[in-house]
C-alpha atoms as a PDB file:
ATOM      1  CA  MET A   1       0.151  -0.324   0.066  1.00  0.00           C
ATOM      2  CA  ARG A   2       1.155   3.419  -1.025  1.00  0.00           C
ATOM      3  CA  PRO A   3       2.198   6.320   1.656  1.00  0.00           C
ATOM      4  CA  ALA A   4      -0.737   8.395   2.018  1.00  0.00           C
ATOM      5  CA  THR A   5       1.497  11.261   2.963  1.00  0.00           C
ATOM      6  CA  LEU A   6       4.671  12.362   2.621  1.00  0.00           C
ATOM      7  CA  ALA A   7       5.273  12.204   6.606  1.00  0.00           C
ATOM      8  CA  GLU A   8       4.582   8.395   6.059  1.00  0.00           C
ATOM      9  CA  ALA A   9       6.828   7.935   3.118  1.00  0.00           C
ATOM     10  CA  TYR A  10       9.645   9.275   5.726  1.00  0.00           C
ATOM     11  CA  GLU A  11       8.448   6.780   8.428  1.00  0.00           C
ATOM     12  CA  ARG A  12       8.839   4.089   6.047  1.00  0.00           C
ATOM     13  CA  ILE A  13      12.470   5.486   4.661  1.00  0.00           C
ATOM     14  CA  ILE A  14      13.552   5.357   8.576  1.00  0.00           C
ATOM     15  CA  ALA A  15      12.357   2.088   8.861  1.00  0.00           C
ATOM     16  CA  GLY A  16      14.470   0.708   6.299  1.00  0.00           C
ATOM     17  CA  GLU A  17      12.348   0.791   3.105  1.00  0.00           C
ATOM     18  CA  PRO A  18      14.728   2.397   0.032  1.00  0.00           C
ATOM     19  CA  ARG A  19      14.312   5.926  -0.330  1.00  0.00           C
ATOM     20  CA  GLU A  20      13.553   5.303  -4.306  1.00  0.00           C
ATOM     21  CA  VAL A  21      10.699   3.399  -3.514  1.00  0.00           C
ATOM     22  CA  ALA A  22       9.127   5.178  -0.661  1.00  0.00           C
ATOM     23  CA  MET A  23       9.433   8.459  -2.369  1.00  0.00           C
ATOM     24  CA  SER A  24       8.046   6.737  -5.550  1.00  0.00           C
ATOM     25  CA  GLU A  25       5.286   5.493  -4.246  1.00  0.00           C
ATOM     26  CA  PHE A  26       4.550   8.769  -2.112  1.00  0.00           C
ATOM     27  CA  LEU A  27       4.834  10.646  -5.658  1.00  0.00           C
ATOM     28  CA  ASP A  28       2.268   8.222  -7.505  1.00  0.00           C
ATOM     29  CA  THR A  29      -0.463   8.942  -4.488  1.00  0.00           C
ATOM     30  CA  PHE A  30       0.031  12.857  -4.424  1.00  0.00           C
ATOM     31  CA  TYR A  31      -0.128  12.641  -8.620  1.00  0.00           C
ATOM     32  CA  PHE A  32      -2.811  10.661  -8.300  1.00  0.00           C
ATOM     33  CA  ALA A  33      -5.279  12.550  -5.627  1.00  0.00           C
ATOM     34  CA  SER A  34      -7.793  15.271  -6.128  1.00  0.00           C
ATOM     35  CA  ALA A  35      -6.508  18.825  -5.828  1.00  0.00           C
ATOM     36  CA  GLU A  36      -8.249  19.129  -2.089  1.00  0.00           C
ATOM     37  CA  ARG A  37      -6.581  15.982  -1.008  1.00  0.00           C
ATOM     38  CA  ARG A  38      -3.098  16.964  -2.288  1.00  0.00           C
ATOM     39  CA  LEU A  39      -2.481  19.464   0.310  1.00  0.00           C
ATOM     40  CA  ASP A  40      -3.275  17.052   2.846  1.00  0.00           C
ATOM     41  CA  THR A  41      -0.688  14.915   1.719  1.00  0.00           C
ATOM     42  CA  LEU A  42       1.799  17.912   2.724  1.00  0.00           C
ATOM     43  CA  ARG A  43       0.517  19.070   5.822  1.00  0.00           C
ATOM     44  CA  ASP A  44       2.263  16.611   8.477  1.00  0.00           C
ATOM     45  CA  GLU A  45       5.564  17.193   9.029  1.00  0.00           C
ATOM     46  CA  PRO A  46       8.076  14.360   8.460  1.00  0.00           C
ATOM     47  CA  ARG A  47      10.068  13.083  11.145  1.00  0.00           C
ATOM     48  CA  LEU A  48      13.612  14.336  11.145  1.00  0.00           C
ATOM     49  CA  THR A  49      15.905  11.467   9.761  1.00  0.00           C
ATOM     50  CA  ARG A  50      19.327  12.737  11.335  1.00  0.00           C
ATOM     51  CA  ASP A  51      20.350  12.957   7.685  1.00  0.00           C
ATOM     52  CA  GLU A  52      20.561  16.386   6.831  1.00  0.00           C
ATOM     53  CA  ARG A  53      20.318  15.986   2.766  1.00  0.00           C
ATOM     54  CA  LEU A  54      17.144  14.167   3.537  1.00  0.00           C
ATOM     55  CA  ASP A  55      15.647  16.290   5.803  1.00  0.00           C
ATOM     56  CA  ALA A  56      16.545  19.336   3.645  1.00  0.00           C
ATOM     57  CA  LEU A  57      14.637  17.041   0.650  1.00  0.00           C
ATOM     58  CA  ALA A  58      11.574  17.164   2.297  1.00  0.00           C
ATOM     59  CA  GLY A  59      11.159  20.892   2.329  1.00  0.00           C
ATOM     60  CA  ALA A  60      11.968  20.959  -1.101  1.00  0.00           C
ATOM     61  CA  ILE A  61       9.639  18.246  -1.970  1.00  0.00           C
ATOM     62  CA  ALA A  62       6.769  20.211  -0.025  1.00  0.00           C
ATOM     63  CA  GLU A  63       7.607  23.541  -1.512  1.00  0.00           C
ATOM     64  CA  TYR A  64       7.852  22.408  -4.989  1.00  0.00           C
ATOM     65  CA  LEU A  65       4.824  20.433  -5.542  1.00  0.00           C
ATOM     66  CA  ALA A  66       2.791  23.134  -3.474  1.00  0.00           C
ATOM     67  CA  ARG A  67       4.152  25.791  -5.991  1.00  0.00           C
ATOM     68  CA  GLN A  68       3.729  23.589  -9.377  1.00  0.00           C
ATOM     69  CA  TYR A  69       0.084  22.389  -8.632  1.00  0.00           C
ATOM     70  CA  GLY A  70      -1.240  25.558  -7.200  1.00  0.00           C
ATOM     71  CA  LEU A  71      -2.085  24.126  -3.793  1.00  0.00           C
ATOM     72  CA  ALA A  72      -3.386  26.941  -1.281  1.00  0.00           C
ATOM     73  CA  ALA A  73      -0.235  27.142   0.769  1.00  0.00           C
ATOM     74  CA  VAL A  74       3.133  25.773   1.323  1.00  0.00           C
ATOM     75  CA  PRO A  75       3.036  23.641   4.631  1.00  0.00           C
ATOM     76  CA  ALA A  76       4.918  26.007   7.070  1.00  0.00           C
ATOM     77  CA  TRP A  77       7.245  23.555   8.369  1.00  0.00           C
ATOM     78  CA  ALA A  78       9.211  23.393   5.057  1.00  0.00           C
ATOM     79  CA  PHE A  79      10.498  26.355   5.966  1.00  0.00           C
ATOM     80  CA  GLU A  80      12.396  25.611   9.181  1.00  0.00           C
ATOM     81  CA  PRO A  81      15.895  26.055   9.318  1.00  0.00           C
ATOM     82  CA  VAL A  82      16.466  22.085   9.526  1.00  0.00           C
ATOM     83  CA  ARG A  83      14.828  22.092   6.070  1.00  0.00           C
ATOM     84  CA  PHE A  84      17.995  23.647   4.587  1.00  0.00           C
ATOM     85  CA  LEU A  85      21.505  22.666   4.059  1.00  0.00           C
ATOM     86  CA  ASP A  86      24.496  24.987   4.904  1.00  0.00           C
ATOM     87  CA  ARG A  87      26.565  23.567   2.173  1.00  0.00           C
ATOM     88  CA  PRO A  88      25.753  22.374  -1.730  1.00  0.00           C
ATOM     89  CA  TRP A  89      24.780  18.712  -2.556  1.00  0.00           C
ATOM     90  CA  HIS A  90      24.338  17.913  -6.142  1.00  0.00           C
ATOM     91  CA  ALA A  91      22.224  15.107  -6.369  1.00  0.00           C
ATOM     92  CA  ALA A  92      23.806  13.288  -9.544  1.00  0.00           C
ATOM     93  CA  PRO A  93      24.774   9.865  -9.674  1.00  0.00           C
ATOM     94  CA  PHE A  94      28.553  10.633 -10.500  1.00  0.00           C
ATOM     95  CA  ASP A  95      30.887  13.769  -9.634  1.00  0.00           C
ATOM     96  CA  ASP A  96      31.244  15.690 -12.706  1.00  0.00           C
ATOM     97  CA  ASN A  97      32.016  19.478 -13.025  1.00  0.00           C
ATOM     98  CA  GLY A  98      30.038  19.680 -16.245  1.00  0.00           C
ATOM     99  CA  MET A  99      27.236  17.910 -14.293  1.00  0.00           C
ATOM    100  CA  ARG A 100      27.421  20.085 -11.143  1.00  0.00           C
ATOM    101  CA  GLU A 101      27.460  22.551 -13.543  1.00  0.00           C
ATOM    102  CA  TYR A 102      24.199  21.861 -15.408  1.00  0.00           C
ATOM    103  CA  LEU A 103      22.643  21.237 -12.041  1.00  0.00           C
ATOM    104  CA  THR A 104      23.444  24.555 -10.125  1.00  0.00           C
ATOM    105  CA  TYR A 105      21.674  25.747 -13.483  1.00  0.00           C
ATOM    106  CA  ALA A 106      18.723  23.877 -14.199  1.00  0.00           C
ATOM    107  CA  SER A 107      17.712  23.316 -10.328  1.00  0.00           C
ATOM    108  CA  PRO A 108      14.160  24.371  -9.633  1.00  0.00           C
ATOM    109  CA  ALA A 109      14.084  27.406  -7.144  1.00  0.00           C
ATOM    110  CA  GLU A 110      12.436  25.387  -4.054  1.00  0.00           C
ATOM    111  CA  PHE A 111      15.981  23.146  -4.070  1.00  0.00           C
ATOM    112  CA  ARG A 112      18.109  25.469  -5.110  1.00  0.00           C
ATOM    113  CA  SER A 113      17.198  27.794  -2.107  1.00  0.00           C
ATOM    114  CA  ARG A 114      17.957  25.009   0.249  1.00  0.00           C
ATOM    115  CA  ASN A 115      21.250  24.395  -1.268  1.00  0.00           C
ATOM    116  CA  ILE A 116      20.010  21.081  -3.326  1.00  0.00           C
ATOM    117  CA  PHE A 117      20.832  21.340  -6.960  1.00  0.00           C
ATOM    118  CA  THR A 118      19.173  18.318  -8.739  1.00  0.00           C
ATOM    119  CA  GLU A 119      17.574  18.418 -12.719  1.00  0.00           C
ATOM    120  CA  GLU A 120      15.087  20.315 -13.619  1.00  0.00           C
ATOM    121  CA  ARG A 121      12.297  18.131 -13.018  1.00  0.00           C
ATOM    122  CA  PRO A 122      13.097  16.519 -10.056  1.00  0.00           C
ATOM    123  CA  LEU A 123      10.103  14.582  -8.982  1.00  0.00           C
ATOM    124  CA  ARG A 124       8.453  13.910 -12.368  1.00  0.00           C
ATOM    125  CA  ARG A 125       7.059  10.321 -13.062  1.00  0.00           C
ATOM    126  CA  ALA A 126       5.175   8.820 -16.004  1.00  0.00           C
ATOM    127  CA  ARG A 127       1.384  10.276 -14.944  1.00  0.00           C
ATOM    128  CA  SER A 128       2.576  13.119 -13.168  1.00  0.00           C
ATOM    129  CA  GLY A 129       0.360  15.683 -15.018  1.00  0.00           C
ATOM    130  CA  LEU A 130       3.077  18.130 -14.966  1.00  0.00           C
ATOM    131  CA  THR A 131       3.181  19.656 -18.898  1.00  0.00           C
ATOM    132  CA  GLN A 132       6.310  20.167 -20.702  1.00  0.00           C
ATOM    133  CA  LEU A 133       7.759  23.687 -20.788  1.00  0.00           C
END
């Protein structure tokens, strides 16, 4: 059963489920939810993991999804100081100057403001409903 909220996805990660699995399943829940239900999937604050990158990522995910889908609000917890990194994190499968430069340029503002640098559409799924710009 897919996690019903981002907080639940984080509970699964803390319990040992692979991050990629828990996040993919949460994103499916979010994308298939009605417009009214989407904010509910982000409302509860995910528990801190002791992994500063993962904790900051939760804030970026919540803000990005809320803004991309025009939700009524971004959850306040997403702006807590623990949801921001002090040092840059270039989320790439390999360390390369060109890739770091690309990610720095392409990363959405919601990630970049937290010192997380990722691809242009980091949360895309096959059925996300986001159209190509």
